[in-house]
Amino acid sequence: MTGVIEIVINEELDAASVPRFAALLHEAVDLGPDNLVVDLMECPFVDAAAIGLLLDVHRRMFAAGGRLTLRSPGPRVTRTLRLARVNNVLHVQ
């Protein structure tokens, strides 16, 4: 494992977009980065499907000795993560 991969999500991360982003995130995990950074600054919304995807990616990164970092989520996304009680599981910067 070496390096950092950054992915910027600039649209809603919901049930409709999760399949597309799942393919992208899983491909990034397969490259073996030390840190996979998902920039959520421009992501206006996440739903339960998105949270499930992020938890799955977190588990895969952890199992491989790496880390998933969620960077700069806005207030609405931060609130959703807190309500889902995953803000203590996922590394949020």
C-alpha atoms as a PDB file:
ATOM      1  CA  MET A   1       0.000   0.000   0.000  1.00  0.00           C
ATOM      2  CA  THR A   2       1.276   3.397  -0.870  1.00  0.00           C
ATOM      3  CA  GLY A   3      -0.067   6.826  -1.419  1.00  0.00           C
ATOM      4  CA  VAL A   4      -3.347   8.629  -1.322  1.00  0.00           C
ATOM      5  CA  ILE A   5      -6.231   8.511  -3.767  1.00  0.00           C
ATOM      6  CA  GLU A   6      -8.695  11.393  -3.697  1.00  0.00           C
ATOM      7  CA  ILE A   7     -12.192  11.251  -5.144  1.00  0.00           C
ATOM      8  CA  VAL A   8     -14.395  14.328  -5.311  1.00  0.00           C
ATOM      9  CA  ILE A   9     -18.147  13.800  -5.185  1.00  0.00           C
ATOM     10  CA  ASN A  10     -19.966  16.862  -6.456  1.00  0.00           C
ATOM     11  CA  GLU A  11     -23.513  15.538  -6.718  1.00  0.00           C
ATOM     12  CA  GLU A  12     -26.020  13.774  -4.488  1.00  0.00           C
ATOM     13  CA  LEU A  13     -24.812  10.421  -3.255  1.00  0.00           C
ATOM     14  CA  ASP A  14     -28.049   8.467  -3.165  1.00  0.00           C
ATOM     15  CA  ALA A  15     -29.607   5.178  -4.266  1.00  0.00           C
ATOM     16  CA  ALA A  16     -29.585   6.334  -7.900  1.00  0.00           C
ATOM     17  CA  SER A  17     -25.885   7.255  -7.969  1.00  0.00           C
ATOM     18  CA  VAL A  18     -24.506   4.645  -5.533  1.00  0.00           C
ATOM     19  CA  PRO A  19     -23.953   1.912  -8.174  1.00  0.00           C
ATOM     20  CA  ARG A  20     -21.773   4.241 -10.248  1.00  0.00           C
ATOM     21  CA  PHE A  21     -19.818   5.518  -7.253  1.00  0.00           C
ATOM     22  CA  ALA A  22     -19.521   1.993  -5.808  1.00  0.00           C
ATOM     23  CA  ALA A  23     -17.675   0.872  -8.928  1.00  0.00           C
ATOM     24  CA  LEU A  24     -15.348   3.894  -8.707  1.00  0.00           C
ATOM     25  CA  LEU A  25     -14.655   3.527  -4.984  1.00  0.00           C
ATOM     26  CA  HIS A  26     -14.086  -0.227  -5.151  1.00  0.00           C
ATOM     27  CA  GLU A  27     -11.697   0.265  -8.058  1.00  0.00           C
ATOM     28  CA  ALA A  28      -9.815   2.834  -5.955  1.00  0.00           C
ATOM     29  CA  VAL A  29      -9.635   0.419  -2.989  1.00  0.00           C
ATOM     30  CA  ASP A  30      -8.273  -2.293  -5.307  1.00  0.00           C
ATOM     31  CA  LEU A  31      -5.336   0.007  -6.151  1.00  0.00           C
ATOM     32  CA  GLY A  32      -4.193  -0.342  -2.529  1.00  0.00           C
ATOM     33  CA  PRO A  33      -3.803   3.226  -1.268  1.00  0.00           C
ATOM     34  CA  ASP A  34      -2.822   3.941   2.335  1.00  0.00           C
ATOM     35  CA  ASN A  35      -5.587   6.527   2.426  1.00  0.00           C
ATOM     36  CA  LEU A  36      -8.672   6.874   0.262  1.00  0.00           C
ATOM     37  CA  VAL A  37     -10.021  10.409   0.603  1.00  0.00           C
ATOM     38  CA  VAL A  38     -13.597  11.084  -0.448  1.00  0.00           C
ATOM     39  CA  ASP A  39     -14.116  14.839  -0.721  1.00  0.00           C
ATOM     40  CA  LEU A  40     -17.740  15.651   0.113  1.00  0.00           C
ATOM     41  CA  MET A  41     -17.480  19.459   0.099  1.00  0.00           C
ATOM     42  CA  GLU A  42     -19.719  19.750  -2.977  1.00  0.00           C
ATOM     43  CA  CYS A  43     -21.949  16.765  -2.145  1.00  0.00           C
ATOM     44  CA  PRO A  44     -25.331  18.197  -1.093  1.00  0.00           C
ATOM     45  CA  PHE A  45     -26.943  14.989   0.186  1.00  0.00           C
ATOM     46  CA  VAL A  46     -26.273  11.389   1.215  1.00  0.00           C
ATOM     47  CA  ASP A  47     -28.885   8.727   1.924  1.00  0.00           C
ATOM     48  CA  ALA A  48     -28.902   5.309   3.606  1.00  0.00           C
ATOM     49  CA  ALA A  49     -27.613   3.581   0.455  1.00  0.00           C
ATOM     50  CA  ALA A  50     -24.660   5.983   0.360  1.00  0.00           C
ATOM     51  CA  ILE A  51     -23.896   5.407   4.034  1.00  0.00           C
ATOM     52  CA  GLY A  52     -23.955   1.654   3.418  1.00  0.00           C
ATOM     53  CA  LEU A  53     -21.493   2.098   0.559  1.00  0.00           C
ATOM     54  CA  LEU A  54     -19.170   4.267   2.664  1.00  0.00           C
ATOM     55  CA  LEU A  55     -19.236   1.714   5.494  1.00  0.00           C
ATOM     56  CA  ASP A  56     -18.444  -1.079   3.027  1.00  0.00           C
ATOM     57  CA  VAL A  57     -15.514   0.896   1.595  1.00  0.00           C
ATOM     58  CA  HIS A  58     -14.344   1.694   5.150  1.00  0.00           C
ATOM     59  CA  ARG A  59     -14.373  -2.038   6.031  1.00  0.00           C
ATOM     60  CA  ARG A  60     -12.428  -2.934   2.888  1.00  0.00           C
ATOM     61  CA  MET A  61      -9.827  -0.222   3.506  1.00  0.00           C
ATOM     62  CA  PHE A  62      -9.471  -1.208   7.172  1.00  0.00           C
ATOM     63  CA  ALA A  63      -9.065  -4.887   6.282  1.00  0.00           C
ATOM     64  CA  ALA A  64      -6.306  -3.942   3.839  1.00  0.00           C
ATOM     65  CA  GLY A  65      -4.507  -1.806   6.446  1.00  0.00           C
ATOM     66  CA  GLY A  66      -5.623   1.501   4.956  1.00  0.00           C
ATOM     67  CA  ARG A  67      -8.002   4.273   5.888  1.00  0.00           C
ATOM     68  CA  LEU A  68     -11.068   5.908   4.372  1.00  0.00           C
ATOM     69  CA  THR A  69     -11.280   9.626   5.072  1.00  0.00           C
ATOM     70  CA  LEU A  70     -14.373  11.715   4.388  1.00  0.00           C
ATOM     71  CA  ARG A  71     -13.239  15.286   3.789  1.00  0.00           C
ATOM     72  CA  SER A  72     -15.226  18.476   4.264  1.00  0.00           C
ATOM     73  CA  PRO A  73     -18.820  17.250   4.390  1.00  0.00           C
ATOM     74  CA  GLY A  74     -21.281  20.127   4.505  1.00  0.00           C
ATOM     75  CA  PRO A  75     -23.714  20.678   7.394  1.00  0.00           C
ATOM     76  CA  ARG A  76     -26.508  18.573   5.843  1.00  0.00           C
ATOM     77  CA  VAL A  77     -24.223  15.608   5.121  1.00  0.00           C
ATOM     78  CA  THR A  78     -22.579  15.913   8.544  1.00  0.00           C
ATOM     79  CA  ARG A  79     -26.019  15.891  10.185  1.00  0.00           C
ATOM     80  CA  THR A  80     -27.032  12.788   8.216  1.00  0.00           C
ATOM     81  CA  LEU A  81     -23.832  10.973   9.230  1.00  0.00           C
ATOM     82  CA  ARG A  82     -24.462  11.925  12.858  1.00  0.00           C
ATOM     83  CA  LEU A  83     -28.109  10.800  12.737  1.00  0.00           C
ATOM     84  CA  ALA A  84     -27.025   7.466  11.241  1.00  0.00           C
ATOM     85  CA  ARG A  85     -24.482   7.196  14.071  1.00  0.00           C
ATOM     86  CA  VAL A  86     -21.594   6.528  11.719  1.00  0.00           C
ATOM     87  CA  ASN A  87     -19.663   9.730  12.403  1.00  0.00           C
ATOM     88  CA  ASN A  88     -17.721   7.845  15.116  1.00  0.00           C
ATOM     89  CA  VAL A  89     -16.963   4.908  12.813  1.00  0.00           C
ATOM     90  CA  LEU A  90     -16.004   6.806   9.674  1.00  0.00           C
ATOM     91  CA  HIS A  91     -13.016   9.143   9.781  1.00  0.00           C
ATOM     92  CA  VAL A  92     -14.366  12.625   9.002  1.00  0.00           C
ATOM     93  CA  GLN A  93     -12.023  15.569   8.449  1.00  0.00           C
END
